[in-house]
Amino acid sequence: MKLIFYFFILALIVFLNIGLYLPFLKGDEEDICSNINRLKKYKWFQDLLNNKNYKELIVYDKDVRKVIGKFNGNKIYSKLFQNIYRKKLQNTLYQKSNRLA
């Protein structure tokens, strides 16, 4: 009887940990995708996507995607923040591409 109780408690703890952790992953990916869709409207981002190496990093590299996900979606439309985000993304892509080469 004790064994069943301990198993139930362990299962509950595992379930709660997974349940609490997964929504954050989902939210991050939603932020990344929405920010990428917003950024696609701008020529500088389209130029980055036209570069084969950079496009691969934007699509698959977790660190680059994390940088994009941290951008404030409401501020992307501001010219000032576009320049800040562009420089930050370009620096990240440049560093990542140099590590791979």
C-alpha atoms as a PDB file:
ATOM      1  CA  MET A   1       0.000   0.000   0.000  1.00  0.00           C
ATOM      2  CA  LYS A   2       2.851   2.375   0.843  1.00  0.00           C
ATOM      3  CA  LEU A   3       4.501   1.584  -2.474  1.00  0.00           C
ATOM      4  CA  ILE A   4       1.401   2.652  -4.400  1.00  0.00           C
ATOM      5  CA  PHE A   5       1.165   5.837  -2.347  1.00  0.00           C
ATOM      6  CA  TYR A   6       4.827   6.735  -3.022  1.00  0.00           C
ATOM      7  CA  PHE A   7       4.416   5.955  -6.699  1.00  0.00           C
ATOM      8  CA  PHE A   8       1.352   8.208  -6.836  1.00  0.00           C
ATOM      9  CA  ILE A   9       3.224  11.066  -5.127  1.00  0.00           C
ATOM     10  CA  LEU A  10       6.188  10.663  -7.488  1.00  0.00           C
ATOM     11  CA  ALA A  11       3.884  10.655 -10.527  1.00  0.00           C
ATOM     12  CA  LEU A  12       2.129  13.772  -9.226  1.00  0.00           C
ATOM     13  CA  ILE A  13       5.423  15.607  -8.729  1.00  0.00           C
ATOM     14  CA  VAL A  14       6.634  14.685 -12.222  1.00  0.00           C
ATOM     15  CA  PHE A  15       3.315  15.696 -13.765  1.00  0.00           C
ATOM     16  CA  LEU A  16       3.325  19.068 -11.994  1.00  0.00           C
ATOM     17  CA  ASN A  17       6.924  19.786 -12.989  1.00  0.00           C
ATOM     18  CA  ILE A  18       6.216  19.026 -16.635  1.00  0.00           C
ATOM     19  CA  GLY A  19       2.941  20.939 -16.513  1.00  0.00           C
ATOM     20  CA  LEU A  20       4.606  24.004 -15.060  1.00  0.00           C
ATOM     21  CA  TYR A  21       7.589  23.933 -17.424  1.00  0.00           C
ATOM     22  CA  LEU A  22       5.931  23.334 -20.810  1.00  0.00           C
ATOM     23  CA  PRO A  23       3.793  26.495 -20.975  1.00  0.00           C
ATOM     24  CA  PHE A  24       6.979  28.593 -20.838  1.00  0.00           C
ATOM     25  CA  LEU A  25       8.423  26.723 -23.799  1.00  0.00           C
ATOM     26  CA  LYS A  26       5.234  27.232 -25.754  1.00  0.00           C
ATOM     27  CA  GLY A  27       5.171  30.948 -24.921  1.00  0.00           C
ATOM     28  CA  ASP A  28       8.776  31.430 -26.011  1.00  0.00           C
ATOM     29  CA  GLU A  29       8.176  29.786 -29.359  1.00  0.00           C
ATOM     30  CA  GLU A  30       5.042  31.872 -29.904  1.00  0.00           C
ATOM     31  CA  ASP A  31       7.017  35.060 -29.161  1.00  0.00           C
ATOM     32  CA  ILE A  32       9.761  34.022 -31.555  1.00  0.00           C
ATOM     33  CA  CYS A  33       7.342  33.245 -34.387  1.00  0.00           C
ATOM     34  CA  SER A  34       5.336  36.425 -33.913  1.00  0.00           C
ATOM     35  CA  ASN A  35       8.506  38.540 -33.794  1.00  0.00           C
ATOM     36  CA  ILE A  36       9.849  36.872 -36.935  1.00  0.00           C
ATOM     37  CA  ASN A  37       6.569  37.595 -38.720  1.00  0.00           C
ATOM     38  CA  ARG A  38       6.774  41.241 -37.635  1.00  0.00           C
ATOM     39  CA  LEU A  39      10.401  41.502 -38.713  1.00  0.00           C
ATOM     40  CA  LYS A  40       9.703  40.018 -42.149  1.00  0.00           C
ATOM     41  CA  LYS A  41       8.076  43.336 -43.099  1.00  0.00           C
ATOM     42  CA  TYR A  42      11.457  45.087 -43.063  1.00  0.00           C
ATOM     43  CA  LYS A  43      14.056  44.977 -45.815  1.00  0.00           C
ATOM     44  CA  TRP A  44      17.014  44.552 -43.471  1.00  0.00           C
ATOM     45  CA  PHE A  45      15.492  41.366 -42.054  1.00  0.00           C
ATOM     46  CA  GLN A  46      14.572  40.093 -45.523  1.00  0.00           C
ATOM     47  CA  ASP A  47      18.217  40.626 -46.523  1.00  0.00           C
ATOM     48  CA  LEU A  48      19.298  38.493 -43.580  1.00  0.00           C
ATOM     49  CA  LEU A  49      16.856  35.776 -44.601  1.00  0.00           C
ATOM     50  CA  ASN A  50      18.201  35.853 -48.159  1.00  0.00           C
ATOM     51  CA  ASN A  51      21.619  34.891 -46.807  1.00  0.00           C
ATOM     52  CA  LYS A  52      21.598  31.077 -46.715  1.00  0.00           C
ATOM     53  CA  ASN A  53      23.801  30.771 -43.608  1.00  0.00           C
ATOM     54  CA  TYR A  54      21.896  33.406 -41.654  1.00  0.00           C
ATOM     55  CA  LYS A  55      18.534  31.949 -42.614  1.00  0.00           C
ATOM     56  CA  GLU A  56      19.610  28.561 -41.319  1.00  0.00           C
ATOM     57  CA  LEU A  57      20.698  30.137 -38.031  1.00  0.00           C
ATOM     58  CA  ILE A  58      17.441  32.114 -37.714  1.00  0.00           C
ATOM     59  CA  VAL A  59      15.348  29.014 -38.324  1.00  0.00           C
ATOM     60  CA  TYR A  60      17.302  26.405 -36.359  1.00  0.00           C
ATOM     61  CA  ASP A  61      19.746  27.954 -33.879  1.00  0.00           C
ATOM     62  CA  LYS A  62      18.277  28.155 -30.383  1.00  0.00           C
ATOM     63  CA  ASP A  63      20.484  31.067 -29.280  1.00  0.00           C
ATOM     64  CA  VAL A  64      19.577  33.214 -32.290  1.00  0.00           C
ATOM     65  CA  ARG A  65      15.909  32.370 -31.847  1.00  0.00           C
ATOM     66  CA  LYS A  66      16.133  33.259 -28.162  1.00  0.00           C
ATOM     67  CA  VAL A  67      17.512  36.696 -29.100  1.00  0.00           C
ATOM     68  CA  ILE A  68      14.601  37.229 -31.498  1.00  0.00           C
ATOM     69  CA  GLY A  69      12.124  36.062 -28.862  1.00  0.00           C
ATOM     70  CA  LYS A  70      13.403  38.660 -26.383  1.00  0.00           C
ATOM     71  CA  PHE A  71      12.565  41.537 -28.724  1.00  0.00           C
ATOM     72  CA  ASN A  72       9.583  43.559 -27.534  1.00  0.00           C
ATOM     73  CA  GLY A  73       6.923  42.969 -30.185  1.00  0.00           C
ATOM     74  CA  ASN A  74       5.328  46.383 -29.705  1.00  0.00           C
ATOM     75  CA  LYS A  75       8.633  48.199 -30.083  1.00  0.00           C
ATOM     76  CA  ILE A  76       9.649  46.441 -33.302  1.00  0.00           C
ATOM     77  CA  TYR A  77       7.710  49.046 -35.266  1.00  0.00           C
ATOM     78  CA  SER A  78       9.743  51.902 -33.790  1.00  0.00           C
ATOM     79  CA  LYS A  79      12.630  53.078 -35.977  1.00  0.00           C
ATOM     80  CA  LEU A  80      14.909  53.448 -32.948  1.00  0.00           C
ATOM     81  CA  PHE A  81      14.275  49.919 -31.711  1.00  0.00           C
ATOM     82  CA  GLN A  82      14.521  48.495 -35.221  1.00  0.00           C
ATOM     83  CA  ASN A  83      18.089  49.778 -35.384  1.00  0.00           C
ATOM     84  CA  ILE A  84      18.878  48.369 -31.950  1.00  0.00           C
ATOM     85  CA  TYR A  85      17.316  44.990 -32.768  1.00  0.00           C
ATOM     86  CA  ARG A  86      18.972  44.895 -36.206  1.00  0.00           C
ATOM     87  CA  LYS A  87      22.426  45.465 -34.721  1.00  0.00           C
ATOM     88  CA  LYS A  88      21.854  42.950 -31.955  1.00  0.00           C
ATOM     89  CA  LEU A  89      20.621  40.297 -34.379  1.00  0.00           C
ATOM     90  CA  GLN A  90      23.401  40.968 -36.887  1.00  0.00           C
ATOM     91  CA  ASN A  91      26.050  40.712 -34.151  1.00  0.00           C
ATOM     92  CA  THR A  92      24.586  37.444 -32.913  1.00  0.00           C
ATOM     93  CA  LEU A  93      24.401  36.011 -36.433  1.00  0.00           C
ATOM     94  CA  TYR A  94      27.950  37.144 -37.189  1.00  0.00           C
ATOM     95  CA  GLN A  95      29.305  35.543 -34.012  1.00  0.00           C
ATOM     96  CA  LYS A  96      27.425  32.296 -34.619  1.00  0.00           C
ATOM     97  CA  SER A  97      28.473  32.066 -38.262  1.00  0.00           C
ATOM     98  CA  ASN A  98      32.142  32.641 -37.337  1.00  0.00           C
ATOM     99  CA  ARG A  99      31.998  29.845 -34.758  1.00  0.00           C
ATOM    100  CA  LEU A 100      30.607  27.462 -37.354  1.00  0.00           C
ATOM    101  CA  ALA A 101      33.194  28.364 -39.981  1.00  0.00           C
END
